[in-house]
Amino acid sequence: HALAAYMADPAPYLQLPGFYQAKRDRFRAGLAGTRFRLLPCEGTYFQCVDYSQLAVPERDLPEADFCQWLTREVGVAAIPLSAFYGNGFDQRVVRFCFAKQDATL
Protein backbone atom coordinates (compact mmCIF):
# COMPACT_ATOMS: atom_id res chain seq x y z
CA HIS A 1 0.00 0.00 0.00
CA ALA A 2 2.81 2.41 0.83
CA LEU A 3 4.52 1.85 -2.51
CA ALA A 4 1.25 2.36 -4.37
CA ALA A 5 0.68 5.61 -2.48
CA TYR A 6 4.20 6.78 -3.34
CA MET A 7 3.76 5.90 -7.02
CA ALA A 8 0.48 7.83 -7.18
CA ASP A 9 2.43 11.10 -7.37
CA PRO A 10 5.14 10.70 -10.04
CA ALA A 11 6.76 14.10 -9.44
CA PRO A 12 9.24 12.99 -6.73
CA TYR A 13 10.69 10.05 -8.65
CA LEU A 14 10.58 11.77 -12.03
CA GLN A 15 12.74 14.56 -10.59
CA LEU A 16 15.43 12.16 -9.33
CA PRO A 17 17.52 12.04 -12.53
CA GLY A 18 17.90 15.83 -12.63
CA PHE A 19 18.50 15.94 -8.88
CA TYR A 20 21.42 13.50 -9.06
CA GLN A 21 22.79 14.93 -12.30
CA ALA A 22 23.11 18.33 -10.59
CA LYS A 23 24.99 16.70 -7.69
CA ARG A 24 27.24 14.80 -10.10
CA ASP A 25 27.98 17.95 -12.07
CA ARG A 26 28.78 19.90 -8.86
CA PHE A 27 31.09 17.11 -7.65
CA ARG A 28 32.85 16.78 -11.01
CA ALA A 29 33.32 20.55 -11.22
CA GLY A 30 34.95 20.48 -7.79
CA LEU A 31 37.44 17.84 -8.91
CA ALA A 32 38.04 19.30 -12.38
CA GLY A 33 41.09 21.28 -11.27
CA THR A 34 42.75 18.33 -9.54
CA ARG A 35 44.93 15.52 -10.81
CA PHE A 36 42.16 12.99 -10.27
CA ARG A 37 41.19 11.58 -13.68
CA LEU A 38 37.41 11.53 -13.77
CA LEU A 39 35.96 8.43 -15.40
CA PRO A 40 32.59 8.40 -17.19
CA CYS A 41 29.68 8.50 -14.78
CA GLU A 42 26.09 7.94 -15.90
CA GLY A 43 23.09 6.46 -14.13
CA THR A 44 24.74 6.27 -10.72
CA TYR A 45 25.56 8.39 -7.71
CA PHE A 46 29.18 7.23 -7.61
CA GLN A 47 32.06 8.94 -9.37
CA CYS A 48 35.04 6.73 -10.16
CA VAL A 49 38.43 8.41 -10.39
CA ASP A 50 41.93 7.31 -11.27
CA TYR A 51 44.32 8.64 -8.62
CA SER A 52 47.61 7.52 -10.19
CA GLN A 53 48.58 11.04 -11.32
CA LEU A 54 48.20 12.76 -7.93
CA ALA A 55 51.19 14.72 -6.67
CA VAL A 56 51.44 12.81 -3.38
CA PRO A 57 53.51 9.73 -2.51
CA GLU A 58 50.29 7.92 -1.54
CA ARG A 59 49.36 7.68 -5.24
CA ASP A 60 51.50 4.53 -5.30
CA LEU A 61 49.45 2.81 -2.60
CA PRO A 62 47.05 -0.01 -3.45
CA GLU A 63 43.44 1.17 -3.61
CA ALA A 64 42.40 -0.04 -0.15
CA ASP A 65 45.43 1.57 1.49
CA PHE A 66 44.89 4.78 -0.48
CA CYS A 67 41.27 4.93 0.72
CA GLN A 68 42.35 4.44 4.33
CA TRP A 69 44.94 7.22 3.97
CA LEU A 70 42.42 9.52 2.30
CA THR A 71 39.90 8.97 5.09
CA ARG A 72 42.34 9.29 7.99
CA GLU A 73 44.54 12.12 6.71
CA VAL A 74 42.26 14.12 4.42
CA GLY A 75 38.86 13.36 5.95
CA VAL A 76 37.27 12.17 2.70
CA ALA A 77 35.91 8.66 2.34
CA ALA A 78 36.28 6.67 -0.86
CA ILE A 79 35.64 3.06 -1.82
CA PRO A 80 38.38 1.00 -3.49
CA LEU A 81 37.13 -0.44 -6.76
CA SER A 82 39.27 -3.53 -6.10
CA ALA A 83 36.83 -4.46 -3.32
CA PHE A 84 34.39 -5.54 -6.03
CA TYR A 85 36.80 -8.04 -7.59
CA GLY A 86 37.35 -11.50 -6.16
CA ASN A 87 41.08 -11.41 -6.85
CA GLY A 88 41.60 -7.84 -5.59
CA PHE A 89 42.25 -6.45 -9.09
CA ASP A 90 43.96 -3.12 -8.35
CA GLN A 91 43.95 -0.39 -11.00
CA ARG A 92 44.41 2.77 -8.85
CA VAL A 93 40.70 3.62 -9.19
CA VAL A 94 38.42 4.57 -6.31
CA ARG A 95 34.85 5.74 -6.19
CA PHE A 96 33.27 8.61 -4.34
CA CYS A 97 29.59 8.86 -3.50
CA PHE A 98 28.10 12.21 -4.48
CA ALA A 99 24.67 11.52 -2.93
CA LYS A 100 25.47 14.13 -0.30
CA GLN A 101 24.23 17.53 0.73
CA ASP A 102 25.57 20.31 -1.46
CA ALA A 103 27.50 21.80 1.47
CA THR A 104 29.37 18.48 1.85
CA LEU A 105 30.12 18.27 -1.86
PDB file of N, CA and C in Angstrom:
ATOM      1  N   HIS A   1       0.818  -1.190   0.000  1.00  0.00           N
ATOM      2  CA  HIS A   1       0.000   0.000   0.000  1.00  0.00           C
ATOM      3  C   HIS A   1       0.869   1.264   0.000  1.00  0.00           C
ATOM      4  N   ALA A   2       1.945   1.232   0.759  1.00  0.00           N
ATOM      5  CA  ALA A   2       2.811   2.411   0.828  1.00  0.00           C
ATOM      6  C   ALA A   2       3.458   2.697  -0.522  1.00  0.00           C
ATOM      7  N   LEU A   3       3.899   1.659  -1.206  1.00  0.00           N
ATOM      8  CA  LEU A   3       4.518   1.851  -2.514  1.00  0.00           C
ATOM      9  C   LEU A   3       3.505   2.394  -3.517  1.00  0.00           C
ATOM     10  N   ALA A   4       2.305   1.868  -3.478  1.00  0.00           N
ATOM     11  CA  ALA A   4       1.254   2.359  -4.371  1.00  0.00           C
ATOM     12  C   ALA A   4       0.954   3.835  -4.093  1.00  0.00           C
ATOM     13  N   ALA A   5       0.928   4.204  -2.835  1.00  0.00           N
ATOM     14  CA  ALA A   5       0.679   5.605  -2.485  1.00  0.00           C
ATOM     15  C   ALA A   5       1.817   6.489  -2.996  1.00  0.00           C
ATOM     16  N   TYR A   6       3.055   6.021  -2.861  1.00  0.00           N
ATOM     17  CA  TYR A   6       4.201   6.778  -3.344  1.00  0.00           C
ATOM     18  C   TYR A   6       4.140   6.935  -4.863  1.00  0.00           C
ATOM     19  N   MET A   7       3.806   5.890  -5.556  1.00  0.00           N
ATOM     20  CA  MET A   7       3.765   5.905  -7.017  1.00  0.00           C
ATOM     21  C   MET A   7       2.608   6.750  -7.559  1.00  0.00           C
ATOM     22  N   ALA A   8       1.628   7.049  -6.730  1.00  0.00           N
ATOM     23  CA  ALA A   8       0.481   7.831  -7.180  1.00  0.00           C
ATOM     24  C   ALA A   8       0.891   9.239  -7.601  1.00  0.00           C
ATOM     25  N   ASP A   9       1.928   9.773  -6.996  1.00  0.00           N
ATOM     26  CA  ASP A   9       2.427  11.099  -7.365  1.00  0.00           C
ATOM     27  C   ASP A   9       3.787  10.910  -8.027  1.00  0.00           C
ATOM     28  N   PRO A  10       3.876  10.975  -9.349  1.00  0.00           N
ATOM     29  CA  PRO A  10       5.137  10.697 -10.045  1.00  0.00           C
ATOM     30  C   PRO A  10       6.190  11.800  -9.917  1.00  0.00           C
ATOM     31  N   ALA A  11       5.815  12.974  -9.480  1.00  0.00           N
ATOM     32  CA  ALA A  11       6.760  14.100  -9.442  1.00  0.00           C
ATOM     33  C   ALA A  11       8.054  13.779  -8.680  1.00  0.00           C
ATOM     34  N   PRO A  12       7.979  13.227  -7.457  1.00  0.00           N
ATOM     35  CA  PRO A  12       9.239  12.988  -6.726  1.00  0.00           C
ATOM     36  C   PRO A  12      10.211  12.061  -7.461  1.00  0.00           C
ATOM     37  N   TYR A  13       9.745  10.961  -8.011  1.00  0.00           N
ATOM     38  CA  TYR A  13      10.691  10.047  -8.651  1.00  0.00           C
ATOM     39  C   TYR A  13      11.040  10.478 -10.071  1.00  0.00           C
ATOM     40  N   LEU A  14      10.223  11.263 -10.707  1.00  0.00           N
ATOM     41  CA  LEU A  14      10.582  11.773 -12.030  1.00  0.00           C
ATOM     42  C   LEU A  14      11.629  12.883 -11.939  1.00  0.00           C
ATOM     43  N   GLN A  15      11.749  13.506 -10.784  1.00  0.00           N
ATOM     44  CA  GLN A  15      12.741  14.562 -10.589  1.00  0.00           C
ATOM     45  C   GLN A  15      14.111  14.013 -10.165  1.00  0.00           C
ATOM     46  N   LEU A  16      14.172  12.733  -9.809  1.00  0.00           N
ATOM     47  CA  LEU A  16      15.432  12.162  -9.330  1.00  0.00           C
ATOM     48  C   LEU A  16      16.589  12.246 -10.330  1.00  0.00           C
ATOM     49  N   PRO A  17      16.374  11.948 -11.615  1.00  0.00           N
ATOM     50  CA  PRO A  17      17.522  12.038 -12.534  1.00  0.00           C
ATOM     51  C   PRO A  17      18.159  13.431 -12.553  1.00  0.00           C
ATOM     52  N   GLY A  18      17.366  14.467 -12.637  1.00  0.00           N
ATOM     53  CA  GLY A  18      17.904  15.830 -12.626  1.00  0.00           C
ATOM     54  C   GLY A  18      18.567  16.185 -11.312  1.00  0.00           C
ATOM     55  N   PHE A  19      17.972  15.711 -10.221  1.00  0.00           N
ATOM     56  CA  PHE A  19      18.504  15.945  -8.881  1.00  0.00           C
ATOM     57  C   PHE A  19      19.925  15.388  -8.759  1.00  0.00           C
ATOM     58  N   TYR A  20      20.104  14.125  -9.172  1.00  0.00           N
ATOM     59  CA  TYR A  20      21.421  13.503  -9.056  1.00  0.00           C
ATOM     60  C   TYR A  20      22.393  13.998 -10.122  1.00  0.00           C
ATOM     61  N   GLN A  21      21.894  14.374 -11.289  1.00  0.00           N
ATOM     62  CA  GLN A  21      22.786  14.931 -12.303  1.00  0.00           C
ATOM     63  C   GLN A  21      23.392  16.242 -11.812  1.00  0.00           C
ATOM     64  N   ALA A  22      22.596  17.066 -11.140  1.00  0.00           N
ATOM     65  CA  ALA A  22      23.114  18.326 -10.594  1.00  0.00           C
ATOM     66  C   ALA A  22      24.194  18.052  -9.547  1.00  0.00           C
ATOM     67  N   LYS A  23      23.988  17.046  -8.710  1.00  0.00           N
ATOM     68  CA  LYS A  23      24.993  16.701  -7.694  1.00  0.00           C
ATOM     69  C   LYS A  23      26.261  16.171  -8.365  1.00  0.00           C
ATOM     70  N   ARG A  24      26.083  15.323  -9.366  1.00  0.00           N
ATOM     71  CA  ARG A  24      27.236  14.800 -10.104  1.00  0.00           C
ATOM     72  C   ARG A  24      28.024  15.939 -10.741  1.00  0.00           C
ATOM     73  N   ASP A  25      27.311  16.853 -11.390  1.00  0.00           N
ATOM     74  CA  ASP A  25      27.979  17.955 -12.067  1.00  0.00           C
ATOM     75  C   ASP A  25      28.720  18.848 -11.073  1.00  0.00           C
ATOM     76  N   ARG A  26      28.127  19.085  -9.901  1.00  0.00           N
ATOM     77  CA  ARG A  26      28.781  19.896  -8.864  1.00  0.00           C
ATOM     78  C   ARG A  26      30.049  19.181  -8.376  1.00  0.00           C
ATOM     79  N   PHE A  27      29.947  17.879  -8.131  1.00  0.00           N
ATOM     80  CA  PHE A  27      31.095  17.110  -7.646  1.00  0.00           C
ATOM     81  C   PHE A  27      32.210  17.092  -8.686  1.00  0.00           C
ATOM     82  N   ARG A  28      31.849  16.820  -9.939  1.00  0.00           N
ATOM     83  CA  ARG A  28      32.850  16.779 -11.012  1.00  0.00           C
ATOM     84  C   ARG A  28      33.514  18.136 -11.196  1.00  0.00           C
ATOM     85  N   ALA A  29      32.747  19.202 -11.086  1.00  0.00           N
ATOM     86  CA  ALA A  29      33.319  20.547 -11.223  1.00  0.00           C
ATOM     87  C   ALA A  29      34.329  20.806 -10.105  1.00  0.00           C
ATOM     88  N   GLY A  30      34.030  20.309  -8.912  1.00  0.00           N
ATOM     89  CA  GLY A  30      34.945  20.479  -7.790  1.00  0.00           C
ATOM     90  C   GLY A  30      36.251  19.738  -7.977  1.00  0.00           C
ATOM     91  N   LEU A  31      36.222  18.628  -8.687  1.00  0.00           N
ATOM     92  CA  LEU A  31      37.438  17.838  -8.914  1.00  0.00           C
ATOM     93  C   LEU A  31      38.132  18.187 -10.231  1.00  0.00           C
ATOM     94  N   ALA A  32      37.513  19.011 -11.040  1.00  0.00           N
ATOM     95  CA  ALA A  32      38.043  19.296 -12.378  1.00  0.00           C
ATOM     96  C   ALA A  32      39.451  19.886 -12.348  1.00  0.00           C
ATOM     97  N   GLY A  33      39.771  20.665 -11.344  1.00  0.00           N
ATOM     98  CA  GLY A  33      41.089  21.280 -11.273  1.00  0.00           C
ATOM     99  C   GLY A  33      42.131  20.450 -10.545  1.00  0.00           C
ATOM    100  N   THR A  34      41.820  19.201 -10.265  1.00  0.00           N
ATOM    101  CA  THR A  34      42.747  18.334  -9.544  1.00  0.00           C
ATOM    102  C   THR A  34      43.412  17.363 -10.513  1.00  0.00           C
ATOM    103  N   ARG A  35      44.287  16.541  -9.983  1.00  0.00           N
ATOM    104  CA  ARG A  35      44.930  15.519 -10.814  1.00  0.00           C
ATOM    105  C   ARG A  35      44.176  14.191 -10.800  1.00  0.00           C
ATOM    106  N   PHE A  36      43.017  14.170 -10.146  1.00  0.00           N
ATOM    107  CA  PHE A  36      42.164  12.989 -10.274  1.00  0.00           C
ATOM    108  C   PHE A  36      41.680  12.930 -11.723  1.00  0.00           C
ATOM    109  N   ARG A  37      41.739  11.750 -12.321  1.00  0.00           N
ATOM    110  CA  ARG A  37      41.192  11.583 -13.676  1.00  0.00           C
ATOM    111  C   ARG A  37      39.777  11.056 -13.525  1.00  0.00           C
ATOM    112  N   LEU A  38      38.810  11.885 -13.909  1.00  0.00           N
ATOM    113  CA  LEU A  38      37.407  11.533 -13.774  1.00  0.00           C
ATOM    114  C   LEU A  38      37.013  10.535 -14.855  1.00  0.00           C
ATOM    115  N   LEU A  39      36.417   9.431 -14.452  1.00  0.00           N
ATOM    116  CA  LEU A  39      35.957   8.429 -15.397  1.00  0.00           C
ATOM    117  C   LEU A  39      34.493   8.700 -15.730  1.00  0.00           C
ATOM    118  N   PRO A  40      34.000   8.170 -16.841  1.00  0.00           N
ATOM    119  CA  PRO A  40      32.595   8.397 -17.194  1.00  0.00           C
ATOM    120  C   PRO A  40      31.666   7.979 -16.057  1.00  0.00           C
ATOM    121  N   CYS A  41      30.590   8.715 -15.913  1.00  0.00           N
ATOM    122  CA  CYS A  41      29.683   8.497 -14.782  1.00  0.00           C
ATOM    123  C   CYS A  41      28.254   8.794 -15.242  1.00  0.00           C
ATOM    124  N   GLU A  42      27.475   7.758 -15.486  1.00  0.00           N
ATOM    125  CA  GLU A  42      26.086   7.938 -15.901  1.00  0.00           C
ATOM    126  C   GLU A  42      25.215   6.924 -15.177  1.00  0.00           C
ATOM    127  N   GLY A  43      24.050   7.366 -14.741  1.00  0.00           N
ATOM    128  CA  GLY A  43      23.089   6.455 -14.133  1.00  0.00           C
ATOM    129  C   GLY A  43      23.493   5.935 -12.766  1.00  0.00           C
ATOM    130  N   THR A  44      24.267   6.693 -12.035  1.00  0.00           N
ATOM    131  CA  THR A  44      24.735   6.271 -10.724  1.00  0.00           C
ATOM    132  C   THR A  44      24.944   7.493  -9.847  1.00  0.00           C
ATOM    133  N   TYR A  45      25.161   7.277  -8.572  1.00  0.00           N
ATOM    134  CA  TYR A  45      25.564   8.387  -7.706  1.00  0.00           C
ATOM    135  C   TYR A  45      26.947   8.133  -7.135  1.00  0.00           C
ATOM    136  N   PHE A  46      27.776   7.443  -7.919  1.00  0.00           N
ATOM    137  CA  PHE A  46      29.182   7.231  -7.605  1.00  0.00           C
ATOM    138  C   PHE A  46      30.038   7.768  -8.742  1.00  0.00           C
ATOM    139  N   GLN A  47      31.099   8.453  -8.386  1.00  0.00           N
ATOM    140  CA  GLN A  47      32.061   8.940  -9.367  1.00  0.00           C
ATOM    141  C   GLN A  47      33.358   8.171  -9.185  1.00  0.00           C
ATOM    142  N   CYS A  48      33.761   7.435 -10.200  1.00  0.00           N
ATOM    143  CA  CYS A  48      35.038   6.733 -10.157  1.00  0.00           C
ATOM    144  C   CYS A  48      36.131   7.655 -10.675  1.00  0.00           C
ATOM    145  N   VAL A  49      37.277   7.587 -10.001  1.00  0.00           N
ATOM    146  CA  VAL A  49      38.428   8.407 -10.392  1.00  0.00           C
ATOM    147  C   VAL A  49      39.696   7.566 -10.360  1.00  0.00           C
ATOM    148  N   ASP A  50      40.592   7.889 -11.255  1.00  0.00           N
ATOM    149  CA  ASP A  50      41.929   7.311 -11.267  1.00  0.00           C
ATOM    150  C   ASP A  50      42.812   8.277 -10.478  1.00  0.00           C
ATOM    151  N   TYR A  51      43.504   7.772  -9.474  1.00  0.00           N
ATOM    152  CA  TYR A  51      44.320   8.642  -8.625  1.00  0.00           C
ATOM    153  C   TYR A  51      45.823   8.510  -8.903  1.00  0.00           C
ATOM    154  N   SER A  52      46.193   7.807  -9.946  1.00  0.00           N
ATOM    155  CA  SER A  52      47.607   7.517 -10.193  1.00  0.00           C
ATOM    156  C   SER A  52      48.443   8.741 -10.571  1.00  0.00           C
ATOM    157  N   GLN A  53      47.828   9.840 -10.927  1.00  0.00           N
ATOM    158  CA  GLN A  53      48.578  11.043 -11.316  1.00  0.00           C
ATOM    159  C   GLN A  53      48.617  12.111 -10.225  1.00  0.00           C
ATOM    160  N   LEU A  54      48.149  11.789  -9.020  1.00  0.00           N
ATOM    161  CA  LEU A  54      48.197  12.757  -7.928  1.00  0.00           C
ATOM    162  C   LEU A  54      49.639  13.090  -7.585  1.00  0.00           C
ATOM    163  N   ALA A  55      49.842  14.264  -7.026  1.00  0.00           N
ATOM    164  CA  ALA A  55      51.195  14.720  -6.675  1.00  0.00           C
ATOM    165  C   ALA A  55      51.513  14.431  -5.212  1.00  0.00           C
ATOM    166  N   VAL A  56      51.144  13.241  -4.746  1.00  0.00           N
ATOM    167  CA  VAL A  56      51.444  12.814  -3.375  1.00  0.00           C
ATOM    168  C   VAL A  56      52.041  11.412  -3.441  1.00  0.00           C
ATOM    169  N   PRO A  57      52.913  11.077  -2.497  1.00  0.00           N
ATOM    170  CA  PRO A  57      53.507   9.728  -2.514  1.00  0.00           C
ATOM    171  C   PRO A  57      52.453   8.627  -2.386  1.00  0.00           C
ATOM    172  N   GLU A  58      51.334   8.928  -1.758  1.00  0.00           N
ATOM    173  CA  GLU A  58      50.288   7.920  -1.535  1.00  0.00           C
ATOM    174  C   GLU A  58      49.655   7.436  -2.838  1.00  0.00           C
ATOM    175  N   ARG A  59      49.923   8.118  -3.946  1.00  0.00           N
ATOM    176  CA  ARG A  59      49.361   7.683  -5.238  1.00  0.00           C
ATOM    177  C   ARG A  59      49.843   6.289  -5.621  1.00  0.00           C
ATOM    178  N   ASP A  60      50.950   5.849  -5.003  1.00  0.00           N
ATOM    179  CA  ASP A  60      51.498   4.532  -5.299  1.00  0.00           C
ATOM    180  C   ASP A  60      50.921   3.435  -4.413  1.00  0.00           C
ATOM    181  N   LEU A  61      50.071   3.805  -3.483  1.00  0.00           N
ATOM    182  CA  LEU A  61      49.454   2.807  -2.600  1.00  0.00           C
ATOM    183  C   LEU A  61      48.401   1.998  -3.345  1.00  0.00           C
ATOM    184  N   PRO A  62      48.199   0.746  -2.930  1.00  0.00           N
ATOM    185  CA  PRO A  62      47.055  -0.008  -3.446  1.00  0.00           C
ATOM    186  C   PRO A  62      45.755   0.720  -3.065  1.00  0.00           C
ATOM    187  N   GLU A  63      44.701   0.451  -3.796  1.00  0.00           N
ATOM    188  CA  GLU A  63      43.437   1.169  -3.609  1.00  0.00           C
ATOM    189  C   GLU A  63      42.942   1.168  -2.167  1.00  0.00           C
ATOM    190  N   ALA A  64      42.924   0.028  -1.524  1.00  0.00           N
ATOM    191  CA  ALA A  64      42.402  -0.040  -0.152  1.00  0.00           C
ATOM    192  C   ALA A  64      43.241   0.819   0.792  1.00  0.00           C
ATOM    193  N   ASP A  65      44.550   0.766   0.647  1.00  0.00           N
ATOM    194  CA  ASP A  65      45.432   1.566   1.493  1.00  0.00           C
ATOM    195  C   ASP A  65      45.264   3.062   1.179  1.00  0.00           C
ATOM    196  N   PHE A  66      45.112   3.387  -0.096  1.00  0.00           N
ATOM    197  CA  PHE A  66      44.892   4.781  -0.476  1.00  0.00           C
ATOM    198  C   PHE A  66      43.607   5.307   0.159  1.00  0.00           C
ATOM    199  N   CYS A  67      42.550   4.515   0.133  1.00  0.00           N
ATOM    200  CA  CYS A  67      41.273   4.934   0.725  1.00  0.00           C
ATOM    201  C   CYS A  67      41.400   5.127   2.232  1.00  0.00           C
ATOM    202  N   GLN A  68      42.132   4.263   2.892  1.00  0.00           N
ATOM    203  CA  GLN A  68      42.353   4.440   4.331  1.00  0.00           C
ATOM    204  C   GLN A  68      43.124   5.726   4.594  1.00  0.00           C
ATOM    205  N   TRP A  69      44.168   5.982   3.818  1.00  0.00           N
ATOM    206  CA  TRP A  69      44.942   7.216   3.969  1.00  0.00           C
ATOM    207  C   TRP A  69      44.055   8.433   3.724  1.00  0.00           C
ATOM    208  N   LEU A  70      43.278   8.397   2.659  1.00  0.00           N
ATOM    209  CA  LEU A  70      42.421   9.524   2.302  1.00  0.00           C
ATOM    210  C   LEU A  70      41.419   9.825   3.416  1.00  0.00           C
ATOM    211  N   THR A  71      40.874   8.790   4.009  1.00  0.00           N
ATOM    212  CA  THR A  71      39.898   8.970   5.086  1.00  0.00           C
ATOM    213  C   THR A  71      40.563   9.501   6.347  1.00  0.00           C
ATOM    214  N   ARG A  72      41.670   8.896   6.736  1.00  0.00           N
ATOM    215  CA  ARG A  72      42.339   9.290   7.987  1.00  0.00           C
ATOM    216  C   ARG A  72      43.018  10.659   7.902  1.00  0.00           C
ATOM    217  N   GLU A  73      43.709  10.919   6.813  1.00  0.00           N
ATOM    218  CA  GLU A  73      44.542  12.117   6.712  1.00  0.00           C
ATOM    219  C   GLU A  73      43.843  13.306   6.055  1.00  0.00           C
ATOM    220  N   VAL A  74      42.915  13.035   5.150  1.00  0.00           N
ATOM    221  CA  VAL A  74      42.262  14.121   4.419  1.00  0.00           C
ATOM    222  C   VAL A  74      40.824  14.319   4.900  1.00  0.00           C
ATOM    223  N   GLY A  75      40.228  13.251   5.460  1.00  0.00           N
ATOM    224  CA  GLY A  75      38.859  13.357   5.954  1.00  0.00           C
ATOM    225  C   GLY A  75      37.804  13.132   4.888  1.00  0.00           C
ATOM    226  N   VAL A  76      38.193  12.461   3.801  1.00  0.00           N
ATOM    227  CA  VAL A  76      37.267  12.168   2.704  1.00  0.00           C
ATOM    228  C   VAL A  76      37.240  10.660   2.496  1.00  0.00           C
ATOM    229  N   ALA A  77      36.048  10.103   2.513  1.00  0.00           N
ATOM    230  CA  ALA A  77      35.913   8.665   2.340  1.00  0.00           C
ATOM    231  C   ALA A  77      35.762   8.303   0.860  1.00  0.00           C
ATOM    232  N   ALA A  78      36.388   7.215   0.486  1.00  0.00           N
ATOM    233  CA  ALA A  78      36.283   6.669  -0.862  1.00  0.00           C
ATOM    234  C   ALA A  78      36.212   5.153  -0.745  1.00  0.00           C
ATOM    235  N   ILE A  79      35.785   4.518  -1.794  1.00  0.00           N
ATOM    236  CA  ILE A  79      35.644   3.063  -1.821  1.00  0.00           C
ATOM    237  C   ILE A  79      36.613   2.508  -2.865  1.00  0.00           C
ATOM    238  N   PRO A  80      37.474   1.569  -2.495  1.00  0.00           N
ATOM    239  CA  PRO A  80      38.382   1.000  -3.485  1.00  0.00           C
ATOM    240  C   PRO A  80      37.608   0.141  -4.478  1.00  0.00           C
ATOM    241  N   LEU A  81      37.823   0.359  -5.750  1.00  0.00           N
ATOM    242  CA  LEU A  81      37.128  -0.441  -6.758  1.00  0.00           C
ATOM    243  C   LEU A  81      37.549  -1.900  -6.678  1.00  0.00           C
ATOM    244  N   SER A  82      38.769  -2.145  -6.216  1.00  0.00           N
ATOM    245  CA  SER A  82      39.266  -3.526  -6.104  1.00  0.00           C
ATOM    246  C   SER A  82      38.429  -4.366  -5.148  1.00  0.00           C
ATOM    247  N   ALA A  83      37.679  -3.718  -4.257  1.00  0.00           N
ATOM    248  CA  ALA A  83      36.831  -4.463  -3.320  1.00  0.00           C
ATOM    249  C   ALA A  83      35.729  -5.242  -4.039  1.00  0.00           C
ATOM    250  N   PHE A  84      35.450  -4.889  -5.277  1.00  0.00           N
ATOM    251  CA  PHE A  84      34.388  -5.540  -6.031  1.00  0.00           C
ATOM    252  C   PHE A  84      34.895  -6.671  -6.912  1.00  0.00           C
ATOM    253  N   TYR A  85      36.199  -6.949  -6.812  1.00  0.00           N
ATOM    254  CA  TYR A  85      36.795  -8.035  -7.587  1.00  0.00           C
ATOM    255  C   TYR A  85      37.254  -9.132  -6.646  1.00  0.00           C
ATOM    256  N   GLY A  86      36.981 -10.366  -7.002  1.00  0.00           N
ATOM    257  CA  GLY A  86      37.347 -11.497  -6.162  1.00  0.00           C
ATOM    258  C   GLY A  86      38.841 -11.632  -5.955  1.00  0.00           C
ATOM    259  N   ASN A  87      39.629 -11.251  -6.954  1.00  0.00           N
ATOM    260  CA  ASN A  87      41.079 -11.406  -6.846  1.00  0.00           C
ATOM    261  C   ASN A  87      41.777 -10.118  -6.431  1.00  0.00           C
ATOM    262  N   GLY A  88      41.006  -9.095  -6.040  1.00  0.00           N
ATOM    263  CA  GLY A  88      41.600  -7.845  -5.587  1.00  0.00           C
ATOM    264  C   GLY A  88      42.232  -7.032  -6.703  1.00  0.00           C
ATOM    265  N   PHE A  89      41.759  -7.187  -7.926  1.00  0.00           N
ATOM    266  CA  PHE A  89      42.254  -6.448  -9.090  1.00  0.00           C
ATOM    267  C   PHE A  89      42.410  -4.973  -8.742  1.00  0.00           C
ATOM    268  N   ASP A  90      43.631  -4.478  -8.796  1.00  0.00           N
ATOM    269  CA  ASP A  90      43.958  -3.122  -8.355  1.00  0.00           C
ATOM    270  C   ASP A  90      44.382  -2.289  -9.560  1.00  0.00           C
ATOM    271  N   GLN A  91      43.627  -1.230  -9.844  1.00  0.00           N
ATOM    272  CA  GLN A  91      43.954  -0.393 -11.001  1.00  0.00           C
ATOM    273  C   GLN A  91      44.101   1.088 -10.646  1.00  0.00           C
ATOM    274  N   ARG A  92      44.264   1.395  -9.344  1.00  0.00           N
ATOM    275  CA  ARG A  92      44.407   2.775  -8.851  1.00  0.00           C
ATOM    276  C   ARG A  92      43.149   3.596  -9.151  1.00  0.00           C
ATOM    277  N   VAL A  93      41.989   2.956  -8.980  1.00  0.00           N
ATOM    278  CA  VAL A  93      40.698   3.617  -9.188  1.00  0.00           C
ATOM    279  C   VAL A  93      39.868   3.457  -7.922  1.00  0.00           C
ATOM    280  N   VAL A  94      39.316   4.573  -7.473  1.00  0.00           N
ATOM    281  CA  VAL A  94      38.425   4.566  -6.314  1.00  0.00           C
ATOM    282  C   VAL A  94      37.130   5.262  -6.707  1.00  0.00           C
ATOM    283  N   ARG A  95      36.105   5.065  -5.884  1.00  0.00           N
ATOM    284  CA  ARG A  95      34.851   5.744  -6.189  1.00  0.00           C
ATOM    285  C   ARG A  95      34.390   6.556  -4.992  1.00  0.00           C
ATOM    286  N   PHE A  96      33.839   7.702  -5.321  1.00  0.00           N
ATOM    287  CA  PHE A  96      33.271   8.607  -4.340  1.00  0.00           C
ATOM    288  C   PHE A  96      31.764   8.629  -4.522  1.00  0.00           C
ATOM    289  N   CYS A  97      31.036   8.714  -3.431  1.00  0.00           N
ATOM    290  CA  CYS A  97      29.587   8.855  -3.499  1.00  0.00           C
ATOM    291  C   CYS A  97      29.261  10.349  -3.477  1.00  0.00           C
ATOM    292  N   PHE A  98      28.486  10.807  -4.467  1.00  0.00           N
ATOM    293  CA  PHE A  98      28.095  12.213  -4.475  1.00  0.00           C
ATOM    294  C   PHE A  98      26.633  12.404  -4.078  1.00  0.00           C
ATOM    295  N   ALA A  99      26.034  11.388  -3.469  1.00  0.00           N
ATOM    296  CA  ALA A  99      24.672  11.515  -2.929  1.00  0.00           C
ATOM    297  C   ALA A  99      24.780  12.148  -1.552  1.00  0.00           C
ATOM    298  N   LYS A 100      25.203  13.387  -1.534  1.00  0.00           N
ATOM    299  CA  LYS A 100      25.473  14.132  -0.303  1.00  0.00           C
ATOM    300  C   LYS A 100      24.800  15.492  -0.383  1.00  0.00           C
ATOM    301  N   GLN A 101      24.725  16.161   0.737  1.00  0.00           N
ATOM    302  CA  GLN A 101      24.233  17.529   0.733  1.00  0.00           C
ATOM    303  C   GLN A 101      25.224  18.410  -0.020  1.00  0.00           C
ATOM    304  N   ASP A 102      24.708  19.450  -0.672  1.00  0.00           N
ATOM    305  CA  ASP A 102      25.574  20.307  -1.457  1.00  0.00           C
ATOM    306  C   ASP A 102      26.710  20.898  -0.636  1.00  0.00           C
ATOM    307  N   ALA A 103      26.458  21.236   0.620  1.00  0.00           N
ATOM    308  CA  ALA A 103      27.500  21.795   1.474  1.00  0.00           C
ATOM    309  C   ALA A 103      28.642  20.796   1.663  1.00  0.00           C
ATOM    310  N   THR A 104      28.342  19.519   1.717  1.00  0.00           N
ATOM    311  CA  THR A 104      29.366  18.483   1.845  1.00  0.00           C
ATOM    312  C   THR A 104      30.149  18.342   0.549  1.00  0.00           C
ATOM    313  N   LEU A 105      29.433  18.389  -0.558  1.00  0.00           N
ATOM    314  CA  LEU A 105      30.119  18.273  -1.858  1.00  0.00           C
ATOM    315  C   LEU A 105      31.070  19.425  -2.053  1.00  0.00           C
TER     316      LEU A 105
END
